[in-house]
PDB file of N, CA and C in Angstrom:
ATOM      1  N   MET A   1       0.812  -1.168  -0.026  1.00  0.00           N
ATOM      2  CA  MET A   1       0.020  -0.018  -0.005  1.00  0.00           C
ATOM      3  C   MET A   1       0.917   1.273  -0.021  1.00  0.00           C
ATOM      4  N   ALA A   2       0.601   2.174  -0.869  1.00  0.00           N
ATOM      5  CA  ALA A   2       1.435   3.394  -0.981  1.00  0.00           C
ATOM      6  C   ALA A   2       0.942   4.443   0.001  1.00  0.00           C
ATOM      7  N   ASN A   3       1.915   5.213   0.475  1.00  0.00           N
ATOM      8  CA  ASN A   3       1.633   6.391   1.268  1.00  0.00           C
ATOM      9  C   ASN A   3       1.731   7.574   0.304  1.00  0.00           C
ATOM     10  N   ASN A   4       0.660   8.361   0.235  1.00  0.00           N
ATOM     11  CA  ASN A   4       0.670   9.548  -0.617  1.00  0.00           C
ATOM     12  C   ASN A   4       0.446  10.800   0.195  1.00  0.00           C
ATOM     13  N   HIS A   5       1.339  11.727   0.089  1.00  0.00           N
ATOM     14  CA  HIS A   5       1.213  13.048   0.769  1.00  0.00           C
ATOM     15  C   HIS A   5       1.644  14.092  -0.180  1.00  0.00           C
ATOM     16  N   GLY A   6       0.830  15.080  -0.306  1.00  0.00           N
ATOM     17  CA  GLY A   6       1.229  16.131  -1.235  1.00  0.00           C
ATOM     18  C   GLY A   6       0.566  17.451  -0.900  1.00  0.00           C
ATOM     19  N   LEU A   7       1.005  18.409  -1.622  1.00  0.00           N
ATOM     20  CA  LEU A   7       0.468  19.799  -1.495  1.00  0.00           C
ATOM     21  C   LEU A   7      -0.344  20.057  -2.740  1.00  0.00           C
ATOM     22  N   GLU A   8      -1.624  20.111  -2.597  1.00  0.00           N
ATOM     23  CA  GLU A   8      -2.490  20.466  -3.707  1.00  0.00           C
ATOM     24  C   GLU A   8      -3.193  21.761  -3.374  1.00  0.00           C
ATOM     25  N   GLN A   9      -3.152  22.677  -4.218  1.00  0.00           N
ATOM     26  CA  GLN A   9      -3.703  23.990  -3.934  1.00  0.00           C
ATOM     27  C   GLN A   9      -4.951  24.263  -4.832  1.00  0.00           C
ATOM     28  N   PHE A  10      -5.984  24.706  -4.214  1.00  0.00           N
ATOM     29  CA  PHE A  10      -7.196  25.046  -4.978  1.00  0.00           C
ATOM     30  C   PHE A  10      -6.922  26.367  -5.753  1.00  0.00           C
ATOM     31  N   LEU A  11      -6.804  26.261  -7.034  1.00  0.00           N
ATOM     32  CA  LEU A  11      -6.473  27.405  -7.861  1.00  0.00           C
ATOM     33  C   LEU A  11      -7.468  27.520  -9.004  1.00  0.00           C
ATOM     34  N   LYS A  12      -8.291  28.487  -8.937  1.00  0.00           N
ATOM     35  CA  LYS A  12      -9.246  28.925  -9.952  1.00  0.00           C
ATOM     36  C   LYS A  12      -9.598  27.940 -11.075  1.00  0.00           C
ATOM     37  N   PRO A  13     -10.451  27.163 -11.157  1.00  0.00           N
ATOM     38  CA  PRO A  13     -11.308  26.495 -10.149  1.00  0.00           C
ATOM     39  C   PRO A  13     -10.837  25.058  -9.969  1.00  0.00           C
ATOM     40  N   ALA A  14      -9.650  24.724 -10.399  1.00  0.00           N
ATOM     41  CA  ALA A  14      -9.176  23.337 -10.305  1.00  0.00           C
ATOM     42  C   ALA A  14      -8.200  23.119  -9.153  1.00  0.00           C
ATOM     43  N   ILE A  15      -8.036  21.872  -8.798  1.00  0.00           N
ATOM     44  CA  ILE A  15      -7.018  21.470  -7.790  1.00  0.00           C
ATOM     45  C   ILE A  15      -5.803  21.076  -8.627  1.00  0.00           C
ATOM     46  N   LEU A  16      -4.693  21.749  -8.373  1.00  0.00           N
ATOM     47  CA  LEU A  16      -3.484  21.443  -9.102  1.00  0.00           C
ATOM     48  C   LEU A  16      -2.419  20.854  -8.179  1.00  0.00           C
ATOM     49  N   LYS A  17      -1.717  19.860  -8.625  1.00  0.00           N
ATOM     50  CA  LYS A  17      -0.658  19.266  -7.809  1.00  0.00           C
ATOM     51  C   LYS A  17       0.563  20.171  -7.886  1.00  0.00           C
ATOM     52  N   ILE A  18       1.148  20.488  -6.760  1.00  0.00           N
ATOM     53  CA  ILE A  18       2.339  21.330  -6.642  1.00  0.00           C
ATOM     54  C   ILE A  18       3.571  20.566  -6.213  1.00  0.00           C
ATOM     55  N   TYR A  19       3.385  19.784  -5.175  1.00  0.00           N
ATOM     56  CA  TYR A  19       4.526  19.015  -4.598  1.00  0.00           C
ATOM     57  C   TYR A  19       3.979  17.709  -4.002  1.00  0.00           C
ATOM     58  N   ARG A  20       4.676  16.671  -4.161  1.00  0.00           N
ATOM     59  CA  ARG A  20       4.171  15.362  -3.700  1.00  0.00           C
ATOM     60  C   ARG A  20       5.336  14.521  -3.193  1.00  0.00           C
ATOM     61  N   VAL A  21       5.056  13.777  -2.144  1.00  0.00           N
ATOM     62  CA  VAL A  21       5.985  12.727  -1.628  1.00  0.00           C
ATOM     63  C   VAL A  21       5.160  11.486  -1.485  1.00  0.00           C
ATOM     64  N   ASP A  22       5.708  10.349  -2.008  1.00  0.00           N
ATOM     65  CA  ASP A  22       4.930   9.106  -1.835  1.00  0.00           C
ATOM     66  C   ASP A  22       5.775   7.933  -2.136  1.00  0.00           C
ATOM     67  N   THR A  23       5.175   6.750  -1.998  1.00  0.00           N
ATOM     68  CA  THR A  23       5.905   5.486  -2.307  1.00  0.00           C
ATOM     69  C   THR A  23       5.170   4.701  -3.361  1.00  0.00           C
ATOM     70  N   ALA A  24       4.418   5.409  -4.238  1.00  0.00           N
ATOM     71  CA  ALA A  24       3.580   4.740  -5.239  1.00  0.00           C
ATOM     72  C   ALA A  24       4.397   3.955  -6.209  1.00  0.00           C
ATOM     73  N   HIS A  25       5.654   4.244  -6.447  1.00  0.00           N
ATOM     74  CA  HIS A  25       6.469   3.538  -7.375  1.00  0.00           C
ATOM     75  C   HIS A  25       7.355   2.462  -6.725  1.00  0.00           C
ATOM     76  N   GLY A  26       7.062   2.177  -5.446  1.00  0.00           N
ATOM     77  CA  GLY A  26       7.804   1.215  -4.686  1.00  0.00           C
ATOM     78  C   GLY A  26       9.023   1.745  -3.967  1.00  0.00           C
ATOM     79  N   TYR A  27       9.217   3.100  -4.023  1.00  0.00           N
ATOM     80  CA  TYR A  27      10.331   3.701  -3.318  1.00  0.00           C
ATOM     81  C   TYR A  27       9.906   5.088  -2.923  1.00  0.00           C
ATOM     82  N   LEU A  28      10.524   5.637  -1.930  1.00  0.00           N
ATOM     83  CA  LEU A  28      10.263   6.999  -1.491  1.00  0.00           C
ATOM     84  C   LEU A  28      10.748   7.980  -2.501  1.00  0.00           C
ATOM     85  N   HIS A  29       9.844   8.808  -2.951  1.00  0.00           N
ATOM     86  CA  HIS A  29      10.234   9.828  -4.001  1.00  0.00           C
ATOM     87  C   HIS A  29       9.414  11.111  -3.806  1.00  0.00           C
ATOM     88  N   GLU A  30       9.886  12.188  -4.427  1.00  0.00           N
ATOM     89  CA  GLU A  30       9.153  13.439  -4.462  1.00  0.00           C
ATOM     90  C   GLU A  30       8.977  13.879  -5.890  1.00  0.00           C
ATOM     91  N   GLN A  31       7.878  14.671  -6.054  1.00  0.00           N
ATOM     92  CA  GLN A  31       7.577  15.232  -7.343  1.00  0.00           C
ATOM     93  C   GLN A  31       7.421  16.767  -7.146  1.00  0.00           C
ATOM     94  N   LYS A  32       8.284  17.494  -7.712  1.00  0.00           N
ATOM     95  CA  LYS A  32       8.222  18.965  -7.659  1.00  0.00           C
ATOM     96  C   LYS A  32       7.632  19.426  -9.002  1.00  0.00           C
ATOM     97  N   TYR A  33       6.330  19.643  -9.041  1.00  0.00           N
ATOM     98  CA  TYR A  33       5.604  19.898 -10.315  1.00  0.00           C
ATOM     99  C   TYR A  33       6.032  21.174 -10.985  1.00  0.00           C
ATOM    100  N   TRP A  34       6.695  22.086 -10.275  1.00  0.00           N
ATOM    101  CA  TRP A  34       7.171  23.298 -10.907  1.00  0.00           C
ATOM    102  C   TRP A  34       8.426  23.009 -11.708  1.00  0.00           C
ATOM    103  N   ILE A  35       9.026  21.839 -11.425  1.00  0.00           N
ATOM    104  CA  ILE A  35      10.222  21.380 -12.198  1.00  0.00           C
ATOM    105  C   ILE A  35       9.814  20.364 -13.211  1.00  0.00           C
ATOM    106  N   SER A  36       9.145  19.272 -12.717  1.00  0.00           N
ATOM    107  CA  SER A  36       8.791  18.161 -13.606  1.00  0.00           C
ATOM    108  C   SER A  36       7.823  17.239 -12.824  1.00  0.00           C
ATOM    109  N   PRO A  37       6.904  16.611 -13.508  1.00  0.00           N
ATOM    110  CA  PRO A  37       6.026  15.584 -12.866  1.00  0.00           C
ATOM    111  C   PRO A  37       6.720  14.284 -12.619  1.00  0.00           C
ATOM    112  N   GLU A  38       7.946  14.129 -13.124  1.00  0.00           N
ATOM    113  CA  GLU A  38       8.660  12.865 -12.911  1.00  0.00           C
ATOM    114  C   GLU A  38       9.110  12.680 -11.507  1.00  0.00           C
ATOM    115  N   PRO A  39       8.971  11.419 -10.969  1.00  0.00           N
ATOM    116  CA  PRO A  39       9.396  11.105  -9.590  1.00  0.00           C
ATOM    117  C   PRO A  39      10.900  11.237  -9.438  1.00  0.00           C
ATOM    118  N   MET A  40      11.358  11.864  -8.368  1.00  0.00           N
ATOM    119  CA  MET A  40      12.785  11.974  -8.020  1.00  0.00           C
ATOM    120  C   MET A  40      13.017  11.193  -6.739  1.00  0.00           C
ATOM    121  N   PRO A  41      13.834  10.160  -6.815  1.00  0.00           N
ATOM    122  CA  PRO A  41      14.086   9.375  -5.605  1.00  0.00           C
ATOM    123  C   PRO A  41      14.685  10.269  -4.473  1.00  0.00           C
ATOM    124  N   ILE A  42      14.289   9.890  -3.274  1.00  0.00           N
ATOM    125  CA  ILE A  42      14.790  10.633  -2.084  1.00  0.00           C
ATOM    126  C   ILE A  42      15.713   9.651  -1.348  1.00  0.00           C
ATOM    127  N   ARG A  43      16.926  10.126  -1.139  1.00  0.00           N
ATOM    128  CA  ARG A  43      17.872   9.339  -0.379  1.00  0.00           C
ATOM    129  C   ARG A  43      17.724   9.711   1.085  1.00  0.00           C
ATOM    130  N   THR A  44      17.603   8.735   1.957  1.00  0.00           N
ATOM    131  CA  THR A  44      17.471   8.981   3.374  1.00  0.00           C
ATOM    132  C   THR A  44      18.477   8.192   4.192  1.00  0.00           C
ATOM    133  N   PHE A  45      18.785   8.649   5.376  1.00  0.00           N
ATOM    134  CA  PHE A  45      19.686   7.972   6.222  1.00  0.00           C
ATOM    135  C   PHE A  45      19.026   7.018   7.180  1.00  0.00           C
ATOM    136  N   ILE A  46      17.751   7.185   7.390  1.00  0.00           N
ATOM    137  CA  ILE A  46      17.026   6.338   8.356  1.00  0.00           C
ATOM    138  C   ILE A  46      16.164   5.422   7.549  1.00  0.00           C
ATOM    139  N   GLY A  47      16.200   4.134   7.771  1.00  0.00           N
ATOM    140  CA  GLY A  47      15.508   3.146   6.980  1.00  0.00           C
ATOM    141  C   GLY A  47      13.987   3.036   7.285  1.00  0.00           C
ATOM    142  N   ASP A  48      13.519   3.774   8.274  1.00  0.00           N
ATOM    143  CA  ASP A  48      12.140   3.680   8.617  1.00  0.00           C
ATOM    144  C   ASP A  48      11.271   4.543   7.668  1.00  0.00           C
ATOM    145  N   LEU A  49      10.526   3.936   6.806  1.00  0.00           N
ATOM    146  CA  LEU A  49       9.770   4.592   5.783  1.00  0.00           C
ATOM    147  C   LEU A  49       8.702   5.545   6.402  1.00  0.00           C
ATOM    148  N   ASN A  50       8.015   5.122   7.464  1.00  0.00           N
ATOM    149  CA  ASN A  50       7.106   5.955   8.143  1.00  0.00           C
ATOM    150  C   ASN A  50       7.700   7.259   8.649  1.00  0.00           C
ATOM    151  N   TYR A  51       8.900   7.159   9.252  1.00  0.00           N
ATOM    152  CA  TYR A  51       9.637   8.276   9.731  1.00  0.00           C
ATOM    153  C   TYR A  51       9.904   9.247   8.631  1.00  0.00           C
ATOM    154  N   ASN A  52      10.406   8.733   7.509  1.00  0.00           N
ATOM    155  CA  ASN A  52      10.779   9.577   6.370  1.00  0.00           C
ATOM    156  C   ASN A  52       9.552  10.264   5.776  1.00  0.00           C
ATOM    157  N   VAL A  53       8.420   9.584   5.629  1.00  0.00           N
ATOM    158  CA  VAL A  53       7.229  10.201   5.102  1.00  0.00           C
ATOM    159  C   VAL A  53       6.717  11.224   6.044  1.00  0.00           C
ATOM    160  N   THR A  54       6.755  10.982   7.354  1.00  0.00           N
ATOM    161  CA  THR A  54       6.328  11.970   8.325  1.00  0.00           C
ATOM    162  C   THR A  54       7.221  13.196   8.258  1.00  0.00           C
ATOM    163  N   PHE A  55       8.527  13.000   8.122  1.00  0.00           N
ATOM    164  CA  PHE A  55       9.455  14.121   7.934  1.00  0.00           C
ATOM    165  C   PHE A  55       9.020  15.044   6.764  1.00  0.00           C
ATOM    166  N   PHE A  56       8.671  14.430   5.645  1.00  0.00           N
ATOM    167  CA  PHE A  56       8.310  15.236   4.452  1.00  0.00           C
ATOM    168  C   PHE A  56       6.958  15.803   4.590  1.00  0.00           C
ATOM    169  N   VAL A  57       6.053  15.237   5.284  1.00  0.00           N
ATOM    170  CA  VAL A  57       4.736  15.861   5.585  1.00  0.00           C
ATOM    171  C   VAL A  57       4.988  17.165   6.299  1.00  0.00           C
ATOM    172  N   LEU A  58       5.840  17.128   7.299  1.00  0.00           N
ATOM    173  CA  LEU A  58       6.180  18.347   8.066  1.00  0.00           C
ATOM    174  C   LEU A  58       6.891  19.384   7.224  1.00  0.00           C
ATOM    175  N   GLU A  59       7.744  18.905   6.268  1.00  0.00           N
ATOM    176  CA  GLU A  59       8.429  19.787   5.363  1.00  0.00           C
ATOM    177  C   GLU A  59       7.408  20.502   4.417  1.00  0.00           C
ATOM    178  N   ILE A  60       6.355  19.743   3.992  1.00  0.00           N
ATOM    179  CA  ILE A  60       5.366  20.347   3.137  1.00  0.00           C
ATOM    180  C   ILE A  60       4.600  21.420   3.886  1.00  0.00           C
ATOM    181  N   LYS A  61       4.269  21.170   5.114  1.00  0.00           N
ATOM    182  CA  LYS A  61       3.505  22.166   5.929  1.00  0.00           C
ATOM    183  C   LYS A  61       4.422  23.413   6.120  1.00  0.00           C
ATOM    184  N   LYS A  62       5.717  23.189   6.420  1.00  0.00           N
ATOM    185  CA  LYS A  62       6.577  24.309   6.655  1.00  0.00           C
ATOM    186  C   LYS A  62       6.876  25.161   5.389  1.00  0.00           C
ATOM    187  N   ASN A  63       6.912  24.518   4.239  1.00  0.00           N
ATOM    188  CA  ASN A  63       7.325  25.163   2.980  1.00  0.00           C
ATOM    189  C   ASN A  63       6.162  25.433   2.031  1.00  0.00           C
ATOM    190  N   PHE A  64       4.902  25.368   2.507  1.00  0.00           N
ATOM    191  CA  PHE A  64       3.745  25.528   1.668  1.00  0.00           C
ATOM    192  C   PHE A  64       3.793  26.750   0.788  1.00  0.00           C
ATOM    193  N   GLU A  65       4.030  27.922   1.414  1.00  0.00           N
ATOM    194  CA  GLU A  65       4.024  29.165   0.612  1.00  0.00           C
ATOM    195  C   GLU A  65       5.161  29.231  -0.397  1.00  0.00           C
ATOM    196  N   LYS A  66       6.341  28.676  -0.033  1.00  0.00           N
ATOM    197  CA  LYS A  66       7.433  28.720  -0.981  1.00  0.00           C
ATOM    198  C   LYS A  66       7.188  27.794  -2.157  1.00  0.00           C
ATOM    199  N   TYR A  67       6.656  26.602  -1.950  1.00  0.00           N
ATOM    200  CA  TYR A  67       6.313  25.719  -3.026  1.00  0.00           C
ATOM    201  C   TYR A  67       5.249  26.319  -3.957  1.00  0.00           C
ATOM    202  N   LYS A  68       4.226  26.865  -3.324  1.00  0.00           N
ATOM    203  CA  LYS A  68       3.181  27.525  -4.108  1.00  0.00           C
ATOM    204  C   LYS A  68       3.722  28.665  -4.971  1.00  0.00           C
ATOM    205  N   LYS A  69       4.610  29.476  -4.385  1.00  0.00           N
ATOM    206  CA  LYS A  69       5.242  30.543  -5.129  1.00  0.00           C
ATOM    207  C   LYS A  69       6.042  30.003  -6.346  1.00  0.00           C
ATOM    208  N   TYR A  70       6.835  28.997  -6.159  1.00  0.00           N
ATOM    209  CA  TYR A  70       7.639  28.395  -7.253  1.00  0.00           C
ATOM    210  C   TYR A  70       6.672  27.963  -8.376  1.00  0.00           C
ATOM    211  N   PHE A  71       5.636  27.250  -7.957  1.00  0.00           N
ATOM    212  CA  PHE A  71       4.686  26.659  -8.913  1.00  0.00           C
ATOM    213  C   PHE A  71       4.015  27.755  -9.752  1.00  0.00           C
ATOM    214  N   LEU A  72       3.550  28.809  -9.067  1.00  0.00           N
ATOM    215  CA  LEU A  72       2.845  29.913  -9.712  1.00  0.00           C
ATOM    216  C   LEU A  72       3.752  30.708 -10.626  1.00  0.00           C
ATOM    217  N   GLN A  73       5.046  30.892 -10.207  1.00  0.00           N
ATOM    218  CA  GLN A  73       6.041  31.588 -11.008  1.00  0.00           C
ATOM    219  C   GLN A  73       6.281  30.815 -12.296  1.00  0.00           C
ATOM    220  N   LYS A  74       6.382  29.535 -12.190  1.00  0.00           N
ATOM    221  CA  LYS A  74       6.637  28.656 -13.365  1.00  0.00           C
ATOM    222  C   LYS A  74       5.466  28.794 -14.384  1.00  0.00           C
ATOM    223  N   ARG A  75       4.274  28.966 -13.844  1.00  0.00           N
ATOM    224  CA  ARG A  75       3.057  29.116 -14.696  1.00  0.00           C
ATOM    225  C   ARG A  75       2.878  30.536 -15.150  1.00  0.00           C
ATOM    226  N   GLY A  76       3.692  31.459 -14.656  1.00  0.00           N
ATOM    227  CA  GLY A  76       3.612  32.878 -15.041  1.00  0.00           C
ATOM    228  C   GLY A  76       2.501  33.609 -14.347  1.00  0.00           C
ATOM    229  N   GLU A  77       2.144  33.091 -13.177  1.00  0.00           N
ATOM    230  CA  GLU A  77       1.018  33.723 -12.383  1.00  0.00           C
ATOM    231  C   GLU A  77       1.582  34.344 -11.135  1.00  0.00           C
ATOM    232  N   LYS A  78       0.847  35.296 -10.572  1.00  0.00           N
ATOM    233  CA  LYS A  78       1.204  35.948  -9.313  1.00  0.00           C
ATOM    234  C   LYS A  78       0.705  35.097  -8.155  1.00  0.00           C
ATOM    235  N   ASN A  79       1.344  35.240  -7.074  1.00  0.00           N
ATOM    236  CA  ASN A  79       0.964  34.461  -5.856  1.00  0.00           C
ATOM    237  C   ASN A  79      -0.150  35.173  -5.096  1.00  0.00           C
ATOM    238  N   GLU A  80      -1.330  35.124  -5.736  1.00  0.00           N
ATOM    239  CA  GLU A  80      -2.469  35.824  -5.156  1.00  0.00           C
ATOM    240  C   GLU A  80      -3.591  34.913  -4.627  1.00  0.00           C
ATOM    241  N   VAL A  81      -3.356  33.611  -4.726  1.00  0.00           N
ATOM    242  CA  VAL A  81      -4.378  32.615  -4.343  1.00  0.00           C
ATOM    243  C   VAL A  81      -4.157  32.285  -2.900  1.00  0.00           C
TER     244      VAL A  81
END
């Protein structure tokens, strides 16, 4: 079973994926949609998958505005949402 955690922002009027961390491909990876939708493997030092996913959930919460800004800049939009 895959763990899926991501930042999806409600943007006029659709939900767009901005950043995602999951194990859907059988390994822990992130997707930075302002760069590419392709999964990028995450190298970790701790082998506990739950710990690593929890770490990235906290990172998503901490960096929400920054990730949203990157995504909107890539689309040529202002950060007004």
